[in-house]
N, C-alpha and C. Protein backbone atom coordinates (compact mmCIF):
# COMPACT_ATOMS: atom_id res chain seq x y z
N LEU A 1 16.94 -2.74 -6.09
CA LEU A 1 16.04 -3.52 -6.91
C LEU A 1 16.80 -4.50 -7.79
N GLN A 2 18.11 -4.27 -7.94
CA GLN A 2 18.91 -5.22 -8.70
C GLN A 2 18.91 -6.60 -8.02
N LEU A 3 18.80 -6.60 -6.70
CA LEU A 3 18.76 -7.88 -5.99
C LEU A 3 17.52 -8.70 -6.38
N VAL A 4 16.41 -8.03 -6.64
CA VAL A 4 15.20 -8.72 -7.08
C VAL A 4 15.46 -9.39 -8.43
N LEU A 5 16.10 -8.66 -9.32
CA LEU A 5 16.40 -9.21 -10.63
C LEU A 5 17.32 -10.42 -10.56
N HIS A 6 18.13 -10.48 -9.51
CA HIS A 6 19.05 -11.60 -9.34
C HIS A 6 18.48 -12.66 -8.40
N HIS A 7 17.15 -12.62 -8.21
CA HIS A 7 16.44 -13.62 -7.42
C HIS A 7 16.92 -13.69 -5.98
N GLN A 8 17.22 -12.54 -5.43
CA GLN A 8 17.63 -12.47 -4.02
C GLN A 8 16.61 -11.62 -3.27
N ALA A 9 15.39 -12.12 -3.20
CA ALA A 9 14.26 -11.37 -2.65
C ALA A 9 14.45 -11.00 -1.19
N HIS A 10 14.96 -11.91 -0.38
CA HIS A 10 15.15 -11.61 1.04
C HIS A 10 16.13 -10.46 1.22
N ALA A 11 17.23 -10.52 0.51
CA ALA A 11 18.24 -9.46 0.60
C ALA A 11 17.68 -8.15 0.07
N ALA A 12 16.89 -8.22 -0.99
CA ALA A 12 16.29 -7.01 -1.57
C ALA A 12 15.36 -6.35 -0.56
N ALA A 13 14.50 -7.13 0.07
CA ALA A 13 13.56 -6.56 1.05
C ALA A 13 14.33 -5.94 2.21
N ASP A 14 15.32 -6.64 2.72
CA ASP A 14 16.11 -6.10 3.84
C ASP A 14 16.85 -4.83 3.43
N SER A 15 17.33 -4.78 2.20
CA SER A 15 18.04 -3.60 1.70
C SER A 15 17.10 -2.39 1.61
N ILE A 16 15.89 -2.62 1.13
CA ILE A 16 14.91 -1.53 1.01
C ILE A 16 14.55 -1.00 2.39
N VAL A 17 14.33 -1.91 3.33
CA VAL A 17 14.00 -1.49 4.69
C VAL A 17 15.16 -0.68 5.28
N ALA A 18 16.37 -1.18 5.10
CA ALA A 18 17.54 -0.49 5.65
C ALA A 18 17.74 0.88 5.02
N SER A 19 17.49 0.98 3.72
CA SER A 19 17.74 2.25 3.04
C SER A 19 16.68 3.29 3.32
N ASP A 20 15.55 2.89 3.84
CA ASP A 20 14.49 3.86 4.07
C ASP A 20 14.01 3.87 5.52
N LEU A 21 13.51 2.77 6.01
CA LEU A 21 12.98 2.76 7.37
C LEU A 21 14.06 2.98 8.42
N ASP A 22 15.25 2.47 8.16
CA ASP A 22 16.32 2.60 9.13
C ASP A 22 17.22 3.81 8.88
N ALA A 23 16.90 4.58 7.85
CA ALA A 23 17.74 5.73 7.49
C ALA A 23 17.39 6.93 8.37
N PRO A 24 18.38 7.75 8.69
CA PRO A 24 18.09 8.99 9.43
C PRO A 24 17.26 9.94 8.56
N GLU A 25 16.47 10.78 9.19
CA GLU A 25 15.59 11.71 8.48
C GLU A 25 16.34 12.55 7.46
N SER A 26 17.57 12.95 7.77
CA SER A 26 18.34 13.78 6.86
C SER A 26 18.61 13.10 5.52
N GLU A 27 18.65 11.76 5.52
CA GLU A 27 18.88 11.04 4.27
C GLU A 27 17.61 10.86 3.45
N LEU A 28 16.44 11.08 4.06
CA LEU A 28 15.17 10.85 3.38
C LEU A 28 14.63 12.10 2.70
N THR A 29 15.23 13.22 2.95
CA THR A 29 14.75 14.46 2.35
C THR A 29 15.73 14.90 1.28
N GLY A 30 15.32 15.87 0.52
CA GLY A 30 16.24 16.42 -0.47
C GLY A 30 16.04 15.82 -1.84
N THR A 31 17.10 15.28 -2.39
CA THR A 31 17.12 14.93 -3.81
C THR A 31 16.69 13.50 -4.12
N ARG A 32 16.19 12.75 -3.17
CA ARG A 32 15.76 11.38 -3.47
C ARG A 32 14.61 11.40 -4.46
N ASP A 33 14.70 10.57 -5.45
CA ASP A 33 13.69 10.49 -6.50
C ASP A 33 12.40 9.91 -5.91
N PRO A 34 11.31 10.68 -5.88
CA PRO A 34 10.07 10.19 -5.26
C PRO A 34 9.45 9.01 -6.00
N PHE A 35 9.62 8.94 -7.32
CA PHE A 35 9.09 7.80 -8.07
C PHE A 35 9.86 6.54 -7.70
N ALA A 36 11.18 6.62 -7.68
CA ALA A 36 12.00 5.46 -7.33
C ALA A 36 11.71 5.03 -5.89
N ARG A 37 11.54 5.99 -5.00
CA ARG A 37 11.24 5.66 -3.61
C ARG A 37 9.89 4.95 -3.51
N SER A 38 8.91 5.41 -4.26
CA SER A 38 7.58 4.80 -4.25
C SER A 38 7.63 3.37 -4.78
N VAL A 39 8.33 3.18 -5.88
CA VAL A 39 8.47 1.84 -6.45
C VAL A 39 9.21 0.94 -5.46
N ALA A 40 10.25 1.45 -4.83
CA ALA A 40 11.00 0.65 -3.86
C ALA A 40 10.12 0.25 -2.69
N HIS A 41 9.30 1.16 -2.21
CA HIS A 41 8.42 0.83 -1.09
C HIS A 41 7.39 -0.24 -1.47
N MET A 42 6.79 -0.10 -2.64
CA MET A 42 5.80 -1.09 -3.07
C MET A 42 6.47 -2.45 -3.29
N THR A 43 7.65 -2.45 -3.90
CA THR A 43 8.38 -3.70 -4.14
C THR A 43 8.79 -4.33 -2.82
N GLY A 44 9.35 -3.52 -1.93
CA GLY A 44 9.77 -4.02 -0.62
C GLY A 44 8.61 -4.60 0.16
N ALA A 45 7.47 -3.91 0.14
CA ALA A 45 6.29 -4.41 0.86
C ALA A 45 5.84 -5.74 0.28
N THR A 46 5.84 -5.85 -1.03
CA THR A 46 5.43 -7.10 -1.68
C THR A 46 6.37 -8.24 -1.28
N LEU A 47 7.67 -7.98 -1.29
CA LEU A 47 8.64 -9.01 -0.93
C LEU A 47 8.50 -9.41 0.54
N LEU A 48 8.26 -8.43 1.41
CA LEU A 48 8.08 -8.74 2.83
C LEU A 48 6.80 -9.54 3.05
N LEU A 49 5.74 -9.20 2.34
CA LEU A 49 4.49 -9.95 2.47
C LEU A 49 4.67 -11.39 2.00
N GLN A 50 5.46 -11.59 0.96
CA GLN A 50 5.70 -12.94 0.45
C GLN A 50 6.38 -13.82 1.50
N ARG A 51 7.15 -13.20 2.38
CA ARG A 51 7.80 -14.01 3.42
C ARG A 51 7.09 -13.90 4.77
N GLY A 52 5.90 -13.27 4.76
CA GLY A 52 5.06 -13.23 5.96
C GLY A 52 5.38 -12.13 6.94
N ASP A 53 6.20 -11.17 6.57
CA ASP A 53 6.59 -10.08 7.47
C ASP A 53 5.64 -8.89 7.28
N THR A 54 4.44 -9.03 7.84
CA THR A 54 3.43 -7.99 7.65
C THR A 54 3.77 -6.71 8.40
N ALA A 55 4.47 -6.83 9.53
CA ALA A 55 4.78 -5.63 10.32
C ALA A 55 5.66 -4.65 9.53
N ARG A 56 6.75 -5.17 8.96
CA ARG A 56 7.62 -4.26 8.20
C ARG A 56 6.98 -3.87 6.87
N ALA A 57 6.18 -4.75 6.28
CA ALA A 57 5.48 -4.40 5.04
C ALA A 57 4.55 -3.22 5.29
N ARG A 58 3.81 -3.27 6.39
CA ARG A 58 2.90 -2.16 6.72
C ARG A 58 3.67 -0.86 6.89
N MET A 59 4.83 -0.92 7.53
CA MET A 59 5.61 0.30 7.71
C MET A 59 6.03 0.89 6.36
N LEU A 60 6.42 0.04 5.43
CA LEU A 60 6.81 0.52 4.11
C LEU A 60 5.61 1.12 3.36
N LEU A 61 4.42 0.60 3.60
CA LEU A 61 3.25 1.05 2.86
C LEU A 61 2.70 2.39 3.31
N TYR A 62 3.20 2.93 4.39
CA TYR A 62 2.71 4.23 4.86
C TYR A 62 3.59 5.40 4.43
N TRP A 63 4.60 5.16 3.57
CA TRP A 63 5.51 6.24 3.19
C TRP A 63 4.79 7.43 2.57
N HIS A 64 3.73 7.19 1.83
CA HIS A 64 3.04 8.25 1.11
C HIS A 64 2.31 9.21 2.03
N GLU A 65 2.15 8.85 3.32
CA GLU A 65 1.49 9.74 4.27
C GLU A 65 2.47 10.70 4.93
N ALA A 66 3.72 10.60 4.59
CA ALA A 66 4.72 11.53 5.12
C ALA A 66 4.41 12.94 4.62
N ASP A 67 5.08 13.90 5.15
CA ASP A 67 4.89 15.28 4.71
C ASP A 67 5.85 15.53 3.55
N PRO A 68 5.40 15.23 2.33
CA PRO A 68 6.31 15.32 1.19
C PRO A 68 6.56 16.76 0.74
N SER A 69 7.66 16.93 0.10
CA SER A 69 7.94 18.21 -0.53
C SER A 69 7.01 18.36 -1.72
N PRO A 70 6.83 19.56 -2.25
CA PRO A 70 5.91 19.74 -3.38
C PRO A 70 6.22 18.85 -4.58
N ASP A 71 7.50 18.61 -4.85
CA ASP A 71 7.84 17.77 -6.01
C ASP A 71 7.56 16.29 -5.73
N GLN A 72 7.49 15.89 -4.47
CA GLN A 72 7.19 14.51 -4.13
C GLN A 72 5.69 14.25 -4.02
N GLN A 73 4.94 15.27 -3.69
CA GLN A 73 3.53 15.10 -3.36
C GLN A 73 2.73 14.41 -4.47
N MET A 74 2.87 14.85 -5.69
CA MET A 74 2.08 14.27 -6.78
C MET A 74 2.43 12.80 -7.00
N ILE A 75 3.72 12.48 -6.94
CA ILE A 75 4.13 11.08 -7.12
C ILE A 75 3.55 10.22 -6.01
N PHE A 76 3.64 10.69 -4.77
CA PHE A 76 3.12 9.92 -3.65
C PHE A 76 1.62 9.72 -3.80
N LEU A 77 0.91 10.73 -4.29
CA LEU A 77 -0.53 10.61 -4.48
C LEU A 77 -0.88 9.57 -5.55
N TRP A 78 -0.04 9.42 -6.55
CA TRP A 78 -0.27 8.40 -7.57
C TRP A 78 -0.22 7.00 -6.98
N PHE A 79 0.69 6.80 -6.06
CA PHE A 79 0.90 5.47 -5.48
C PHE A 79 0.00 5.19 -4.28
N ALA A 80 -0.58 6.20 -3.69
CA ALA A 80 -1.37 6.03 -2.46
C ALA A 80 -2.49 5.00 -2.59
N PRO A 81 -3.30 5.01 -3.67
CA PRO A 81 -4.38 4.02 -3.73
C PRO A 81 -3.88 2.58 -3.71
N VAL A 82 -2.77 2.33 -4.36
CA VAL A 82 -2.22 0.97 -4.39
C VAL A 82 -1.70 0.58 -3.01
N ALA A 83 -1.08 1.54 -2.32
CA ALA A 83 -0.61 1.28 -0.96
C ALA A 83 -1.78 1.00 -0.03
N TYR A 84 -2.83 1.81 -0.14
CA TYR A 84 -4.01 1.59 0.70
C TYR A 84 -4.67 0.24 0.39
N LEU A 85 -4.66 -0.17 -0.86
CA LEU A 85 -5.23 -1.47 -1.21
C LEU A 85 -4.45 -2.59 -0.52
N GLU A 86 -3.14 -2.51 -0.54
CA GLU A 86 -2.33 -3.53 0.14
C GLU A 86 -2.56 -3.50 1.64
N LEU A 87 -2.65 -2.29 2.22
CA LEU A 87 -2.92 -2.18 3.66
C LEU A 87 -4.29 -2.76 4.00
N ALA A 88 -5.27 -2.54 3.13
CA ALA A 88 -6.61 -3.08 3.36
C ALA A 88 -6.58 -4.60 3.30
N ARG A 89 -5.88 -5.15 2.33
CA ARG A 89 -5.79 -6.61 2.21
C ARG A 89 -5.14 -7.22 3.44
N ILE A 90 -4.09 -6.58 3.94
CA ILE A 90 -3.41 -7.08 5.14
C ILE A 90 -4.36 -7.04 6.32
N ALA A 91 -5.01 -5.90 6.53
CA ALA A 91 -5.93 -5.75 7.66
C ALA A 91 -7.08 -6.76 7.55
N ASP A 92 -7.60 -6.94 6.36
CA ASP A 92 -8.69 -7.88 6.14
C ASP A 92 -8.24 -9.30 6.48
N ALA A 93 -7.07 -9.68 6.03
CA ALA A 93 -6.56 -11.03 6.31
C ALA A 93 -6.30 -11.23 7.80
N GLN A 94 -5.98 -10.16 8.50
CA GLN A 94 -5.72 -10.23 9.94
C GLN A 94 -6.98 -10.00 10.77
N HIS A 95 -8.12 -9.90 10.09
CA HIS A 95 -9.42 -9.70 10.75
C HIS A 95 -9.47 -8.40 11.56
N ARG A 96 -8.77 -7.39 11.07
CA ARG A 96 -8.84 -6.05 11.67
C ARG A 96 -9.84 -5.25 10.82
N LYS A 97 -11.12 -5.49 11.12
CA LYS A 97 -12.22 -4.99 10.29
C LYS A 97 -12.20 -3.47 10.15
N ALA A 98 -12.05 -2.74 11.23
CA ALA A 98 -12.07 -1.27 11.15
C ALA A 98 -10.95 -0.74 10.26
N ASP A 99 -9.76 -1.31 10.39
CA ASP A 99 -8.63 -0.88 9.56
C ASP A 99 -8.87 -1.24 8.10
N ALA A 100 -9.40 -2.43 7.87
CA ALA A 100 -9.69 -2.86 6.49
C ALA A 100 -10.70 -1.92 5.85
N ILE A 101 -11.78 -1.62 6.56
CA ILE A 101 -12.80 -0.71 6.04
C ILE A 101 -12.19 0.65 5.74
N SER A 102 -11.43 1.18 6.67
CA SER A 102 -10.81 2.50 6.48
C SER A 102 -9.92 2.53 5.25
N ASN A 103 -9.11 1.50 5.08
CA ASN A 103 -8.19 1.48 3.94
C ASN A 103 -8.90 1.23 2.62
N TYR A 104 -9.91 0.36 2.60
CA TYR A 104 -10.67 0.17 1.36
C TYR A 104 -11.40 1.48 0.99
N ARG A 105 -11.89 2.20 1.97
CA ARG A 105 -12.55 3.48 1.69
C ARG A 105 -11.55 4.49 1.13
N GLN A 106 -10.31 4.46 1.63
CA GLN A 106 -9.27 5.34 1.08
C GLN A 106 -9.04 5.06 -0.39
N VAL A 107 -9.05 3.78 -0.76
CA VAL A 107 -8.88 3.40 -2.17
C VAL A 107 -9.99 4.03 -3.00
N LEU A 108 -11.22 3.87 -2.56
CA LEU A 108 -12.35 4.38 -3.33
C LEU A 108 -12.38 5.90 -3.38
N GLN A 109 -11.93 6.56 -2.33
CA GLN A 109 -11.87 8.02 -2.34
C GLN A 109 -10.84 8.51 -3.36
N ARG A 110 -9.76 7.79 -3.50
CA ARG A 110 -8.71 8.22 -4.43
C ARG A 110 -9.01 7.82 -5.87
N TYR A 111 -9.74 6.74 -6.05
CA TYR A 111 -10.16 6.33 -7.40
C TYR A 111 -11.64 6.66 -7.56
N ASP A 112 -11.97 7.92 -7.34
CA ASP A 112 -13.37 8.33 -7.37
C ASP A 112 -13.90 8.54 -8.78
N TYR A 113 -13.03 8.53 -9.76
CA TYR A 113 -13.45 8.67 -11.15
C TYR A 113 -12.94 7.42 -11.89
N PRO A 114 -13.79 6.41 -12.00
CA PRO A 114 -13.33 5.13 -12.55
C PRO A 114 -12.81 5.22 -13.98
N ALA A 115 -11.70 4.60 -14.18
CA ALA A 115 -11.13 4.43 -15.52
C ALA A 115 -10.98 2.93 -15.73
N ALA A 116 -10.83 2.53 -16.96
CA ALA A 116 -10.71 1.10 -17.26
C ALA A 116 -9.58 0.45 -16.45
N ALA A 117 -8.47 1.14 -16.31
CA ALA A 117 -7.32 0.58 -15.61
C ALA A 117 -7.57 0.41 -14.11
N THR A 118 -8.43 1.24 -13.53
CA THR A 118 -8.68 1.16 -12.09
C THR A 118 -9.93 0.36 -11.74
N ARG A 119 -10.69 -0.04 -12.72
CA ARG A 119 -11.95 -0.75 -12.48
C ARG A 119 -11.78 -2.00 -11.62
N PRO A 120 -10.79 -2.88 -11.88
CA PRO A 120 -10.65 -4.08 -11.03
C PRO A 120 -10.38 -3.74 -9.57
N VAL A 121 -9.59 -2.69 -9.33
CA VAL A 121 -9.30 -2.28 -7.95
C VAL A 121 -10.56 -1.73 -7.29
N ILE A 122 -11.30 -0.91 -8.02
CA ILE A 122 -12.55 -0.36 -7.49
C ILE A 122 -13.54 -1.48 -7.17
N ASP A 123 -13.65 -2.43 -8.09
CA ASP A 123 -14.55 -3.56 -7.86
C ASP A 123 -14.14 -4.38 -6.64
N GLU A 124 -12.85 -4.63 -6.51
CA GLU A 124 -12.36 -5.39 -5.35
C GLU A 124 -12.68 -4.66 -4.05
N ALA A 125 -12.39 -3.37 -4.00
CA ALA A 125 -12.64 -2.60 -2.79
C ALA A 125 -14.13 -2.53 -2.47
N THR A 126 -14.95 -2.36 -3.49
CA THR A 126 -16.40 -2.29 -3.30
C THR A 126 -16.94 -3.61 -2.76
N ARG A 127 -16.51 -4.73 -3.35
CA ARG A 127 -16.95 -6.04 -2.88
C ARG A 127 -16.49 -6.30 -1.44
N ALA A 128 -15.25 -5.92 -1.15
CA ALA A 128 -14.72 -6.13 0.20
C ALA A 128 -15.51 -5.31 1.22
N LEU A 129 -15.81 -4.07 0.88
CA LEU A 129 -16.59 -3.24 1.81
C LEU A 129 -17.99 -3.80 2.02
N ALA A 130 -18.61 -4.27 0.96
CA ALA A 130 -19.94 -4.87 1.10
C ALA A 130 -19.87 -6.08 2.04
N ARG A 131 -18.85 -6.90 1.85
CA ARG A 131 -18.68 -8.08 2.71
C ARG A 131 -18.42 -7.67 4.16
N LEU A 132 -17.54 -6.69 4.36
CA LEU A 132 -17.20 -6.25 5.71
C LEU A 132 -18.37 -5.58 6.42
N TYR A 133 -19.21 -4.92 5.65
CA TYR A 133 -20.41 -4.30 6.23
C TYR A 133 -21.57 -5.29 6.35
N GLY A 134 -21.39 -6.50 5.84
CA GLY A 134 -22.43 -7.51 5.92
C GLY A 134 -23.52 -7.33 4.89
N LEU A 135 -23.18 -6.76 3.75
CA LEU A 135 -24.15 -6.53 2.69
C LEU A 135 -23.87 -7.44 1.52
N THR A 136 -24.93 -8.01 0.98
CA THR A 136 -24.82 -8.75 -0.29
C THR A 136 -26.06 -8.42 -1.09
N GLY A 137 -25.88 -8.03 -2.31
CA GLY A 137 -27.00 -7.68 -3.15
C GLY A 137 -27.78 -6.49 -2.62
N GLY A 138 -27.10 -5.63 -1.83
CA GLY A 138 -27.76 -4.44 -1.31
C GLY A 138 -28.57 -4.69 -0.06
N ARG A 139 -28.57 -5.92 0.47
CA ARG A 139 -29.34 -6.23 1.66
C ARG A 139 -28.40 -6.71 2.76
N ALA A 140 -28.73 -6.35 3.97
CA ALA A 140 -27.94 -6.81 5.11
C ALA A 140 -28.12 -8.31 5.28
N THR A 141 -27.01 -9.00 5.54
CA THR A 141 -27.09 -10.43 5.79
C THR A 141 -27.32 -10.67 7.27
N SER A 142 -27.89 -11.78 7.59
CA SER A 142 -28.11 -12.08 9.01
C SER A 142 -26.80 -12.51 9.62
N PRO A 143 -26.60 -12.16 10.91
CA PRO A 143 -25.33 -12.48 11.58
C PRO A 143 -25.13 -13.95 11.79
């Protein structure tokens, strides 16, 4: 992440991918800090999306679905809604309606108890689902 601070976004994204996606399984288990790994994945995905690399960004955004150790599980669950939101936005932009719907629904399932901080995300996901389902104002729109 120091590369990001030094305005070397391309190198930072490639470094994050190399340190995680290209790493052997033995290096991904054990003492790796789950919070740092989550932040790195979200940062890496954002940097990859900025340069149009949706394929590798999507791979980084699925880290939270791994089979985490008990100490990693809670941290991964904290980051999951944000990862699903990014996955939904990507799918929506690529006109992959079923994937977008699935990911927006994941966001709403995880933010099922609205708080002030999560309200904008909930509103975005709700509006997107209404649009994807063809609903506006509670009524189906004509095709």
